[in-house]
Amino acid sequence: MDKFGKPVTEYNRCVYCHSGPKGTSQKMFEVGTHKPLDNPGLLKAPPLTNIALTAPYLHDGSARTLEEIWTVYNPDDKHGERTT
C-alpha cells in the first residue's frame, strides 16, 4: 500500500525485482532512470542487502537518498510509484 492506502501494482513493488535468496531476481529491467547520455538498455536488479548503508544509488550514483529514487529519478513511475 502507498501512503494513501492505495495498493501498489505488483510490478512496482520492490520485491518484484529485488527478491530471492540474494535479494535480487538477477533479471534485467527498464526502470526509467536512464539519462540522455547513458547507454540505452535494461538494468540488472541489484540486491538490497544493507541498502540504507550503500548510498549513492541508481546505476550512475545520481540519487543521494533512497527517497530520490522514487521522487526525483522516477518520472514515469517505472521504478516504484511516486506518492507525492
PDB file of N, CA and C in Angstrom:
ATOM      1  N   MET A   1       0.843  -1.180   0.000  1.00  0.00           N
ATOM      2  CA  MET A   1       0.000   0.000   0.000  1.00  0.00           C
ATOM      3  C   MET A   1       0.891   1.247   0.000  1.00  0.00           C
ATOM      4  N   ASP A   2       0.448   2.264  -0.736  1.00  0.00           N
ATOM      5  CA  ASP A   2       1.192   3.512  -0.677  1.00  0.00           C
ATOM      6  C   ASP A   2       0.743   4.307   0.548  1.00  0.00           C
ATOM      7  N   LYS A   3       1.279   5.484   0.720  1.00  0.00           N
ATOM      8  CA  LYS A   3       0.960   6.236   1.932  1.00  0.00           C
ATOM      9  C   LYS A   3      -0.476   6.745   1.961  1.00  0.00           C
ATOM     10  N   PHE A   4      -1.194   6.608   0.847  1.00  0.00           N
ATOM     11  CA  PHE A   4      -2.595   7.000   0.797  1.00  0.00           C
ATOM     12  C   PHE A   4      -3.529   5.801   0.943  1.00  0.00           C
ATOM     13  N   GLY A   5      -2.952   4.601   1.179  1.00  0.00           N
ATOM     14  CA  GLY A   5      -3.750   3.399   1.352  1.00  0.00           C
ATOM     15  C   GLY A   5      -4.132   2.719   0.051  1.00  0.00           C
ATOM     16  N   LYS A   6      -3.599   3.194  -1.068  1.00  0.00           N
ATOM     17  CA  LYS A   6      -3.870   2.610  -2.379  1.00  0.00           C
ATOM     18  C   LYS A   6      -2.881   1.478  -2.641  1.00  0.00           C
ATOM     19  N   PRO A   7      -3.335   0.337  -3.161  1.00  0.00           N
ATOM     20  CA  PRO A   7      -2.399  -0.762  -3.442  1.00  0.00           C
ATOM     21  C   PRO A   7      -1.372  -0.371  -4.505  1.00  0.00           C
ATOM     22  N   VAL A   8      -0.132  -0.743  -4.291  1.00  0.00           N
ATOM     23  CA  VAL A   8       0.924  -0.546  -5.289  1.00  0.00           C
ATOM     24  C   VAL A   8       0.854  -1.725  -6.246  1.00  0.00           C
ATOM     25  N   THR A   9       0.900  -1.445  -7.547  1.00  0.00           N
ATOM     26  CA  THR A   9       0.803  -2.527  -8.526  1.00  0.00           C
ATOM     27  C   THR A   9       1.943  -3.523  -8.329  1.00  0.00           C
ATOM     28  N   GLU A  10       1.690  -4.772  -8.664  1.00  0.00           N
ATOM     29  CA  GLU A  10       2.669  -5.842  -8.452  1.00  0.00           C
ATOM     30  C   GLU A  10       4.019  -5.519  -9.071  1.00  0.00           C
ATOM     31  N   TYR A  11       4.027  -4.977 -10.281  1.00  0.00           N
ATOM     32  CA  TYR A  11       5.280  -4.713 -10.994  1.00  0.00           C
ATOM     33  C   TYR A  11       6.076  -3.553 -10.404  1.00  0.00           C
ATOM     34  N   ASN A  12       5.457  -2.751  -9.543  1.00  0.00           N
ATOM     35  CA  ASN A  12       6.155  -1.630  -8.925  1.00  0.00           C
ATOM     36  C   ASN A  12       6.494  -1.873  -7.467  1.00  0.00           C
ATOM     37  N   ARG A  13       6.334  -3.083  -7.005  1.00  0.00           N
ATOM     38  CA  ARG A  13       6.725  -3.425  -5.638  1.00  0.00           C
ATOM     39  C   ARG A  13       8.205  -3.811  -5.634  1.00  0.00           C
ATOM     40  N   CYS A  14       8.907  -3.421  -4.610  1.00  0.00           N
ATOM     41  CA  CYS A  14      10.346  -3.709  -4.519  1.00  0.00           C
ATOM     42  C   CYS A  14      10.641  -5.193  -4.710  1.00  0.00           C
ATOM     43  N   VAL A  15       9.821  -6.039  -4.083  1.00  0.00           N
ATOM     44  CA  VAL A  15      10.068  -7.477  -4.098  1.00  0.00           C
ATOM     45  C   VAL A  15       9.920  -8.081  -5.501  1.00  0.00           C
ATOM     46  N   TYR A  16       9.281  -7.396  -6.429  1.00  0.00           N
ATOM     47  CA  TYR A  16       9.136  -7.930  -7.782  1.00  0.00           C
ATOM     48  C   TYR A  16      10.514  -8.099  -8.441  1.00  0.00           C
ATOM     49  N   CYS A  17      11.388  -7.142  -8.281  1.00  0.00           N
ATOM     50  CA  CYS A  17      12.725  -7.203  -8.885  1.00  0.00           C
ATOM     51  C   CYS A  17      13.811  -7.599  -7.882  1.00  0.00           C
ATOM     52  N   HIS A  18      13.628  -7.168  -6.645  1.00  0.00           N
ATOM     53  CA  HIS A  18      14.637  -7.381  -5.610  1.00  0.00           C
ATOM     54  C   HIS A  18      14.173  -8.488  -4.673  1.00  0.00           C
ATOM     55  N   SER A  19      14.185  -9.718  -5.180  1.00  0.00           N
ATOM     56  CA  SER A  19      13.699 -10.863  -4.402  1.00  0.00           C
ATOM     57  C   SER A  19      14.691 -12.016  -4.503  1.00  0.00           C
ATOM     58  N   GLY A  20      14.369 -13.103  -3.845  1.00  0.00           N
ATOM     59  CA  GLY A  20      15.226 -14.281  -3.912  1.00  0.00           C
ATOM     60  C   GLY A  20      16.215 -14.319  -2.770  1.00  0.00           C
ATOM     61  N   PRO A  21      16.955 -15.405  -2.665  1.00  0.00           N
ATOM     62  CA  PRO A  21      17.871 -15.578  -1.535  1.00  0.00           C
ATOM     63  C   PRO A  21      19.000 -14.543  -1.498  1.00  0.00           C
ATOM     64  N   LYS A  22      19.321 -13.952  -2.618  1.00  0.00           N
ATOM     65  CA  LYS A  22      20.385 -12.945  -2.653  1.00  0.00           C
ATOM     66  C   LYS A  22      19.829 -11.518  -2.701  1.00  0.00           C
ATOM     67  N   GLY A  23      18.516 -11.375  -2.550  1.00  0.00           N
ATOM     68  CA  GLY A  23      17.909 -10.046  -2.562  1.00  0.00           C
ATOM     69  C   GLY A  23      17.783  -9.448  -3.940  1.00  0.00           C
ATOM     70  N   THR A  24      17.911 -10.261  -4.965  1.00  0.00           N
ATOM     71  CA  THR A  24      17.735  -9.811  -6.345  1.00  0.00           C
ATOM     72  C   THR A  24      17.221 -10.962  -7.183  1.00  0.00           C
ATOM     73  N   SER A  25      16.385 -10.634  -8.161  1.00  0.00           N
ATOM     74  CA  SER A  25      15.912 -11.657  -9.087  1.00  0.00           C
ATOM     75  C   SER A  25      16.978 -11.951 -10.143  1.00  0.00           C
ATOM     76  N   GLN A  26      18.002 -11.120 -10.203  1.00  0.00           N
ATOM     77  CA  GLN A  26      19.090 -11.190 -11.189  1.00  0.00           C
ATOM     78  C   GLN A  26      18.563 -11.078 -12.616  1.00  0.00           C
ATOM     79  N   LYS A  27      17.427 -10.408 -12.781  1.00  0.00           N
ATOM     80  CA  LYS A  27      16.847 -10.169 -14.104  1.00  0.00           C
ATOM     81  C   LYS A  27      17.101  -8.729 -14.511  1.00  0.00           C
ATOM     82  N   MET A  28      16.854  -8.445 -15.779  1.00  0.00           N
ATOM     83  CA  MET A  28      17.072  -7.115 -16.338  1.00  0.00           C
ATOM     84  C   MET A  28      15.729  -6.392 -16.462  1.00  0.00           C
ATOM     85  N   PHE A  29      15.733  -5.083 -16.163  1.00  0.00           N
ATOM     86  CA  PHE A  29      14.509  -4.294 -16.176  1.00  0.00           C
ATOM     87  C   PHE A  29      14.757  -2.907 -16.752  1.00  0.00           C
ATOM     88  N   GLU A  30      13.712  -2.314 -17.292  1.00  0.00           N
ATOM     89  CA  GLU A  30      13.708  -0.903 -17.694  1.00  0.00           C
ATOM     90  C   GLU A  30      12.977  -0.172 -16.581  1.00  0.00           C
ATOM     91  N   VAL A  31      13.691   0.644 -15.817  1.00  0.00           N
ATOM     92  CA  VAL A  31      13.083   1.323 -14.678  1.00  0.00           C
ATOM     93  C   VAL A  31      12.955   2.831 -14.874  1.00  0.00           C
ATOM     94  N   GLY A  32      13.256   3.310 -16.071  1.00  0.00           N
ATOM     95  CA  GLY A  32      13.038   4.718 -16.375  1.00  0.00           C
ATOM     96  C   GLY A  32      14.018   5.680 -15.752  1.00  0.00           C
ATOM     97  N   THR A  33      15.200   5.229 -15.366  1.00  0.00           N
ATOM     98  CA  THR A  33      16.167   6.117 -14.711  1.00  0.00           C
ATOM     99  C   THR A  33      17.336   6.487 -15.618  1.00  0.00           C
ATOM    100  N   HIS A  34      17.288   6.112 -16.885  1.00  0.00           N
ATOM    101  CA  HIS A  34      18.379   6.469 -17.799  1.00  0.00           C
ATOM    102  C   HIS A  34      18.416   7.970 -18.042  1.00  0.00           C
ATOM    103  N   LYS A  35      19.611   8.485 -18.225  1.00  0.00           N
ATOM    104  CA  LYS A  35      19.814   9.889 -18.559  1.00  0.00           C
ATOM    105  C   LYS A  35      20.062   9.968 -20.066  1.00  0.00           C
ATOM    106  N   PRO A  36      19.943  11.136 -20.677  1.00  0.00           N
ATOM    107  CA  PRO A  36      20.108  11.272 -22.133  1.00  0.00           C
ATOM    108  C   PRO A  36      21.420  10.712 -22.679  1.00  0.00           C
ATOM    109  N   LEU A  37      22.508  10.795 -21.943  1.00  0.00           N
ATOM    110  CA  LEU A  37      23.798  10.329 -22.448  1.00  0.00           C
ATOM    111  C   LEU A  37      24.151   8.906 -22.027  1.00  0.00           C
ATOM    112  N   ASP A  38      23.262   8.224 -21.290  1.00  0.00           N
ATOM    113  CA  ASP A  38      23.502   6.832 -20.892  1.00  0.00           C
ATOM    114  C   ASP A  38      23.359   5.903 -22.087  1.00  0.00           C
ATOM    115  N   ASN A  39      24.021   4.750 -22.007  1.00  0.00           N
ATOM    116  CA  ASN A  39      23.775   3.706 -22.991  1.00  0.00           C
ATOM    117  C   ASN A  39      22.355   3.191 -22.779  1.00  0.00           C
ATOM    118  N   PRO A  40      21.600   3.013 -23.863  1.00  0.00           N
ATOM    119  CA  PRO A  40      20.242   2.501 -23.688  1.00  0.00           C
ATOM    120  C   PRO A  40      20.273   1.031 -23.267  1.00  0.00           C
ATOM    121  N   GLY A  41      19.174   0.553 -22.768  1.00  0.00           N
ATOM    122  CA  GLY A  41      19.093  -0.853 -22.415  1.00  0.00           C
ATOM    123  C   GLY A  41      18.545  -1.074 -21.034  1.00  0.00           C
ATOM    124  N   LEU A  42      18.466  -2.324 -20.695  1.00  0.00           N
ATOM    125  CA  LEU A  42      17.918  -2.728 -19.418  1.00  0.00           C
ATOM    126  C   LEU A  42      18.996  -2.700 -18.344  1.00  0.00           C
ATOM    127  N   LEU A  43      18.556  -2.595 -17.098  1.00  0.00           N
ATOM    128  CA  LEU A  43      19.481  -2.592 -15.966  1.00  0.00           C
ATOM    129  C   LEU A  43      19.214  -3.809 -15.101  1.00  0.00           C
ATOM    130  N   LYS A  44      20.283  -4.427 -14.609  1.00  0.00           N
ATOM    131  CA  LYS A  44      20.158  -5.588 -13.741  1.00  0.00           C
ATOM    132  C   LYS A  44      19.753  -5.141 -12.339  1.00  0.00           C
ATOM    133  N   ALA A  45      18.774  -5.829 -11.772  1.00  0.00           N
ATOM    134  CA  ALA A  45      18.302  -5.502 -10.432  1.00  0.00           C
ATOM    135  C   ALA A  45      19.375  -5.853  -9.403  1.00  0.00           C
ATOM    136  N   PRO A  46      19.889  -4.859  -8.668  1.00  0.00           N
ATOM    137  CA  PRO A  46      20.904  -5.149  -7.657  1.00  0.00           C
ATOM    138  C   PRO A  46      20.260  -5.663  -6.373  1.00  0.00           C
ATOM    139  N   PRO A  47      21.018  -6.335  -5.540  1.00  0.00           N
ATOM    140  CA  PRO A  47      20.473  -6.764  -4.245  1.00  0.00           C
ATOM    141  C   PRO A  47      20.272  -5.555  -3.337  1.00  0.00           C
ATOM    142  N   LEU A  48      19.320  -5.686  -2.417  1.00  0.00           N
ATOM    143  CA  LEU A  48      19.050  -4.587  -1.489  1.00  0.00           C
ATOM    144  C   LEU A  48      19.664  -4.819  -0.112  1.00  0.00           C
ATOM    145  N   THR A  49      20.619  -5.729  -0.013  1.00  0.00           N
ATOM    146  CA  THR A  49      21.299  -6.003   1.242  1.00  0.00           C
ATOM    147  C   THR A  49      21.979  -4.739   1.742  1.00  0.00           C
ATOM    148  N   ASN A  50      21.684  -4.367   2.982  1.00  0.00           N
ATOM    149  CA  ASN A  50      22.268  -3.162   3.600  1.00  0.00           C
ATOM    150  C   ASN A  50      22.049  -1.902   2.771  1.00  0.00           C
ATOM    151  N   ILE A  51      20.921  -1.810   2.086  1.00  0.00           N
ATOM    152  CA  ILE A  51      20.652  -0.702   1.173  1.00  0.00           C
ATOM    153  C   ILE A  51      20.777   0.667   1.852  1.00  0.00           C
ATOM    154  N   ALA A  52      20.374   0.775   3.081  1.00  0.00           N
ATOM    155  CA  ALA A  52      20.440   2.068   3.771  1.00  0.00           C
ATOM    156  C   ALA A  52      21.876   2.545   3.989  1.00  0.00           C
ATOM    157  N   LEU A  53      22.842   1.638   3.857  1.00  0.00           N
ATOM    158  CA  LEU A  53      24.241   1.981   4.098  1.00  0.00           C
ATOM    159  C   LEU A  53      25.060   2.148   2.820  1.00  0.00           C
ATOM    160  N   THR A  54      24.419   2.057   1.662  1.00  0.00           N
ATOM    161  CA  THR A  54      25.190   1.983   0.420  1.00  0.00           C
ATOM    162  C   THR A  54      24.974   3.149  -0.537  1.00  0.00           C
ATOM    163  N   ALA A  55      24.600   4.323  -0.039  1.00  0.00           N
ATOM    164  CA  ALA A  55      24.425   5.490  -0.913  1.00  0.00           C
ATOM    165  C   ALA A  55      25.754   5.831  -1.583  1.00  0.00           C
ATOM    166  N   PRO A  56      25.737   6.430  -2.736  1.00  0.00           N
ATOM    167  CA  PRO A  56      24.592   6.862  -3.530  1.00  0.00           C
ATOM    168  C   PRO A  56      23.956   5.702  -4.279  1.00  0.00           C
ATOM    169  N   TYR A  57      22.818   5.987  -4.891  1.00  0.00           N
ATOM    170  CA  TYR A  57      22.007   4.947  -5.516  1.00  0.00           C
ATOM    171  C   TYR A  57      21.838   5.162  -7.018  1.00  0.00           C
ATOM    172  N   LEU A  58      21.242   4.192  -7.656  1.00  0.00           N
ATOM    173  CA  LEU A  58      20.992   4.094  -9.102  1.00  0.00           C
ATOM    174  C   LEU A  58      22.266   3.690  -9.828  1.00  0.00           C
ATOM    175  N   HIS A  59      22.124   3.394 -11.096  1.00  0.00           N
ATOM    176  CA  HIS A  59      23.230   2.855 -11.893  1.00  0.00           C
ATOM    177  C   HIS A  59      24.403   3.808 -12.004  1.00  0.00           C
ATOM    178  N   ASP A  60      24.134   5.103 -11.850  1.00  0.00           N
ATOM    179  CA  ASP A  60      25.202   6.086 -12.004  1.00  0.00           C
ATOM    180  C   ASP A  60      25.488   6.876 -10.731  1.00  0.00           C
ATOM    181  N   GLY A  61      24.876   6.476  -9.621  1.00  0.00           N
ATOM    182  CA  GLY A  61      25.111   7.160  -8.354  1.00  0.00           C
ATOM    183  C   GLY A  61      24.455   8.521  -8.244  1.00  0.00           C
ATOM    184  N   SER A  62      23.483   8.802  -9.098  1.00  0.00           N
ATOM    185  CA  SER A  62      22.881  10.137  -9.105  1.00  0.00           C
ATOM    186  C   SER A  62      21.904  10.390  -7.962  1.00  0.00           C
ATOM    187  N   ALA A  63      21.313   9.365  -7.376  1.00  0.00           N
ATOM    188  CA  ALA A  63      20.383   9.550  -6.261  1.00  0.00           C
ATOM    189  C   ALA A  63      21.150   9.540  -4.951  1.00  0.00           C
ATOM    190  N   ARG A  64      21.084  10.637  -4.210  1.00  0.00           N
ATOM    191  CA  ARG A  64      21.802  10.746  -2.932  1.00  0.00           C
ATOM    192  C   ARG A  64      21.081  10.024  -1.812  1.00  0.00           C
ATOM    193  N   THR A  65      19.746   9.884  -1.927  1.00  0.00           N
ATOM    194  CA  THR A  65      18.957   9.227  -0.888  1.00  0.00           C
ATOM    195  C   THR A  65      18.024   8.203  -1.531  1.00  0.00           C
ATOM    196  N   LEU A  66      17.500   7.301  -0.718  1.00  0.00           N
ATOM    197  CA  LEU A  66      16.520   6.344  -1.232  1.00  0.00           C
ATOM    198  C   LEU A  66      15.272   7.066  -1.717  1.00  0.00           C
ATOM    199  N   GLU A  67      14.844   8.098  -1.028  1.00  0.00           N
ATOM    200  CA  GLU A  67      13.645   8.841  -1.432  1.00  0.00           C
ATOM    201  C   GLU A  67      13.797   9.444  -2.825  1.00  0.00           C
ATOM    202  N   GLU A  68      14.991   9.909  -3.175  1.00  0.00           N
ATOM    203  CA  GLU A  68      15.211  10.487  -4.503  1.00  0.00           C
ATOM    204  C   GLU A  68      14.982   9.476  -5.620  1.00  0.00           C
ATOM    205  N   ILE A  69      15.184   8.200  -5.343  1.00  0.00           N
ATOM    206  CA  ILE A  69      14.951   7.175  -6.369  1.00  0.00           C
ATOM    207  C   ILE A  69      13.523   7.269  -6.875  1.00  0.00           C
ATOM    208  N   TRP A  70      12.571   7.449  -5.961  1.00  0.00           N
ATOM    209  CA  TRP A  70      11.152   7.454  -6.344  1.00  0.00           C
ATOM    210  C   TRP A  70      10.604   8.830  -6.644  1.00  0.00           C
ATOM    211  N   THR A  71      11.180   9.881  -6.076  1.00  0.00           N
ATOM    212  CA  THR A  71      10.609  11.217  -6.256  1.00  0.00           C
ATOM    213  C   THR A  71      11.288  12.029  -7.349  1.00  0.00           C
ATOM    214  N   VAL A  72      12.600  11.956  -7.448  1.00  0.00           N
ATOM    215  CA  VAL A  72      13.334  12.761  -8.416  1.00  0.00           C
ATOM    216  C   VAL A  72      13.644  11.978  -9.696  1.00  0.00           C
ATOM    217  N   TYR A  73      14.044  10.722  -9.558  1.00  0.00           N
ATOM    218  CA  TYR A  73      14.528   9.941 -10.691  1.00  0.00           C
ATOM    219  C   TYR A  73      13.544   8.863 -11.143  1.00  0.00           C
ATOM    220  N   ASN A  74      12.269   9.120 -11.029  1.00  0.00           N
ATOM    221  CA  ASN A  74      11.240   8.148 -11.386  1.00  0.00           C
ATOM    222  C   ASN A  74      10.080   8.848 -12.107  1.00  0.00           C
ATOM    223  N   PRO A  75      10.361   9.548 -13.198  1.00  0.00           N
ATOM    224  CA  PRO A  75       9.327  10.377 -13.821  1.00  0.00           C
ATOM    225  C   PRO A  75       8.123   9.605 -14.360  1.00  0.00           C
ATOM    226  N   ASP A  76       8.293   8.370 -14.756  1.00  0.00           N
ATOM    227  CA  ASP A  76       7.186   7.604 -15.348  1.00  0.00           C
ATOM    228  C   ASP A  76       6.671   6.494 -14.439  1.00  0.00           C
ATOM    229  N   ASP A  77       7.027   6.533 -13.167  1.00  0.00           N
ATOM    230  CA  ASP A  77       6.609   5.519 -12.197  1.00  0.00           C
ATOM    231  C   ASP A  77       6.966   4.097 -12.631  1.00  0.00           C
ATOM    232  N   LYS A  78       8.125   3.932 -13.268  1.00  0.00           N
ATOM    233  CA  LYS A  78       8.588   2.593 -13.649  1.00  0.00           C
ATOM    234  C   LYS A  78       9.442   1.963 -12.556  1.00  0.00           C
ATOM    235  N   HIS A  79       9.916   2.761 -11.627  1.00  0.00           N
ATOM    236  CA  HIS A  79      10.781   2.278 -10.547  1.00  0.00           C
ATOM    237  C   HIS A  79      10.050   2.531  -9.234  1.00  0.00           C
ATOM    238  N   GLY A  80       9.013   1.781  -8.996  1.00  0.00           N
ATOM    239  CA  GLY A  80       8.140   2.055  -7.861  1.00  0.00           C
ATOM    240  C   GLY A  80       7.121   3.101  -8.253  1.00  0.00           C
ATOM    241  N   GLU A  81       6.335   3.566  -7.310  1.00  0.00           N
ATOM    242  CA  GLU A  81       5.328   4.575  -7.593  1.00  0.00           C
ATOM    243  C   GLU A  81       5.551   5.789  -6.713  1.00  0.00           C
ATOM    244  N   ARG A  82       5.532   6.949  -7.346  1.00  0.00           N
ATOM    245  CA  ARG A  82       5.614   8.186  -6.574  1.00  0.00           C
ATOM    246  C   ARG A  82       4.289   8.387  -5.862  1.00  0.00           C
ATOM    247  N   THR A  83       4.348   8.869  -4.668  1.00  0.00           N
ATOM    248  CA  THR A  83       3.120   9.087  -3.912  1.00  0.00           C
ATOM    249  C   THR A  83       2.949  10.546  -3.531  1.00  0.00           C
ATOM    250  N   THR A  84       3.679  11.415  -4.176  1.00  0.00           N
ATOM    251  CA  THR A  84       3.537  12.849  -3.885  1.00  0.00           C
ATOM    252  C   THR A  84       3.114  13.579  -5.123  1.00  0.00           C
TER     253      THR A  84
END
